[in-house]
Amino acid sequence: MPDIDPERIRVLAEAARVPLRTESPERIARAVTPTVTRFAAENLALALEAEPSTFVVVQRREIVP
């Protein structure tokens, strides 16, 4: 079972400047654990063509001024 760390959720929210109440990271961790566990059990490989920031760079290069 994947370990969802409430501290990591808090740090990510803080980095994204998303305000959370003090009890929210634990609540979020409990809420997402079943879904994350199912994804981990399936051992899915989600191929992405490019990360979002790279996509924007590539897309702008394709625009001919």
C-alpha atoms as a PDB file:
ATOM      1  CA  MET A   1       0.000   0.000   0.000  1.00  0.00           C
ATOM      2  CA  PRO A   2       1.465   3.378  -0.955  1.00  0.00           C
ATOM      3  CA  ASP A   3       2.199   5.675   1.917  1.00  0.00           C
ATOM      4  CA  ILE A   4       0.572   9.072   1.380  1.00  0.00           C
ATOM      5  CA  ASP A   5       2.441  11.526   3.576  1.00  0.00           C
ATOM      6  CA  PRO A   6       0.327  14.421   4.904  1.00  0.00           C
ATOM      7  CA  GLU A   7       3.505  16.480   5.284  1.00  0.00           C
ATOM      8  CA  ARG A   8       4.215  16.132   1.566  1.00  0.00           C
ATOM      9  CA  ILE A   9       0.682  17.269   0.785  1.00  0.00           C
ATOM     10  CA  ARG A  10       1.188  20.283   3.045  1.00  0.00           C
ATOM     11  CA  VAL A  11       4.489  21.201   1.374  1.00  0.00           C
ATOM     12  CA  LEU A  12       3.071  20.834  -2.156  1.00  0.00           C
ATOM     13  CA  ALA A  13       0.050  22.960  -1.276  1.00  0.00           C
ATOM     14  CA  GLU A  14       2.304  25.574   0.276  1.00  0.00           C
ATOM     15  CA  ALA A  15       4.531  25.614  -2.823  1.00  0.00           C
ATOM     16  CA  ALA A  16       1.453  26.036  -5.029  1.00  0.00           C
ATOM     17  CA  ARG A  17       0.204  28.775  -2.681  1.00  0.00           C
ATOM     18  CA  VAL A  18      -2.981  26.854  -1.906  1.00  0.00           C
ATOM     19  CA  PRO A  19      -4.143  27.714   1.597  1.00  0.00           C
ATOM     20  CA  LEU A  20      -5.009  24.674   3.727  1.00  0.00           C
ATOM     21  CA  ARG A  21      -6.334  24.376   7.244  1.00  0.00           C
ATOM     22  CA  THR A  22      -4.053  22.558   9.673  1.00  0.00           C
ATOM     23  CA  GLU A  23      -6.132  19.369   9.617  1.00  0.00           C
ATOM     24  CA  SER A  24      -6.549  19.288   5.809  1.00  0.00           C
ATOM     25  CA  PRO A  25      -3.342  17.427   4.793  1.00  0.00           C
ATOM     26  CA  GLU A  26      -4.303  14.424   6.935  1.00  0.00           C
ATOM     27  CA  ARG A  27      -7.858  14.471   5.562  1.00  0.00           C
ATOM     28  CA  ILE A  28      -6.589  14.702   1.968  1.00  0.00           C
ATOM     29  CA  ALA A  29      -4.126  11.845   2.569  1.00  0.00           C
ATOM     30  CA  ARG A  30      -6.926   9.615   3.882  1.00  0.00           C
ATOM     31  CA  ALA A  31      -9.164  10.556   0.941  1.00  0.00           C
ATOM     32  CA  VAL A  32      -6.651   9.820  -1.843  1.00  0.00           C
ATOM     33  CA  THR A  33      -5.029   6.694  -0.377  1.00  0.00           C
ATOM     34  CA  PRO A  34      -7.603   4.207  -1.811  1.00  0.00           C
ATOM     35  CA  THR A  35      -7.251   5.616  -5.340  1.00  0.00           C
ATOM     36  CA  VAL A  36      -3.457   5.746  -5.180  1.00  0.00           C
ATOM     37  CA  THR A  37      -3.435   2.176  -3.854  1.00  0.00           C
ATOM     38  CA  ARG A  38      -5.559   0.970  -6.785  1.00  0.00           C
ATOM     39  CA  PHE A  39      -3.289   2.728  -9.294  1.00  0.00           C
ATOM     40  CA  ALA A  40      -0.212   1.195  -7.664  1.00  0.00           C
ATOM     41  CA  ALA A  41      -1.780  -2.288  -7.766  1.00  0.00           C
ATOM     42  CA  GLU A  42      -2.421  -1.984 -11.507  1.00  0.00           C
ATOM     43  CA  ASN A  43       1.203  -0.985 -12.144  1.00  0.00           C
ATOM     44  CA  LEU A  44       0.096   1.449 -14.837  1.00  0.00           C
ATOM     45  CA  ALA A  45       2.517   3.188 -17.131  1.00  0.00           C
ATOM     46  CA  LEU A  46       1.001   6.492 -18.172  1.00  0.00           C
ATOM     47  CA  ALA A  47       3.029   7.703 -21.096  1.00  0.00           C
ATOM     48  CA  LEU A  48       3.023  11.428 -21.619  1.00  0.00           C
ATOM     49  CA  GLU A  49       4.161  12.955 -24.858  1.00  0.00           C
ATOM     50  CA  ALA A  50       5.762  15.900 -23.105  1.00  0.00           C
ATOM     51  CA  GLU A  51       5.528  17.600 -19.781  1.00  0.00           C
ATOM     52  CA  PRO A  52       3.213  20.649 -19.822  1.00  0.00           C
ATOM     53  CA  SER A  53       5.961  23.261 -19.749  1.00  0.00           C
ATOM     54  CA  THR A  54       7.802  21.538 -22.596  1.00  0.00           C
ATOM     55  CA  PHE A  55       4.562  21.328 -24.563  1.00  0.00           C
ATOM     56  CA  VAL A  56       4.163  25.114 -24.462  1.00  0.00           C
ATOM     57  CA  VAL A  57       7.716  25.624 -25.710  1.00  0.00           C
ATOM     58  CA  VAL A  58       7.213  23.154 -28.560  1.00  0.00           C
ATOM     59  CA  GLN A  59       3.833  24.617 -29.427  1.00  0.00           C
ATOM     60  CA  ARG A  60       5.248  28.155 -29.661  1.00  0.00           C
ATOM     61  CA  ARG A  61       8.018  26.966 -31.979  1.00  0.00           C
ATOM     62  CA  GLU A  62       5.422  25.513 -34.350  1.00  0.00           C
ATOM     63  CA  ILE A  63       3.721  28.903 -34.762  1.00  0.00           C
ATOM     64  CA  VAL A  64       5.096  30.656 -37.804  1.00  0.00           C
ATOM     65  CA  PRO A  65       5.029  34.462 -37.336  1.00  0.00           C
END
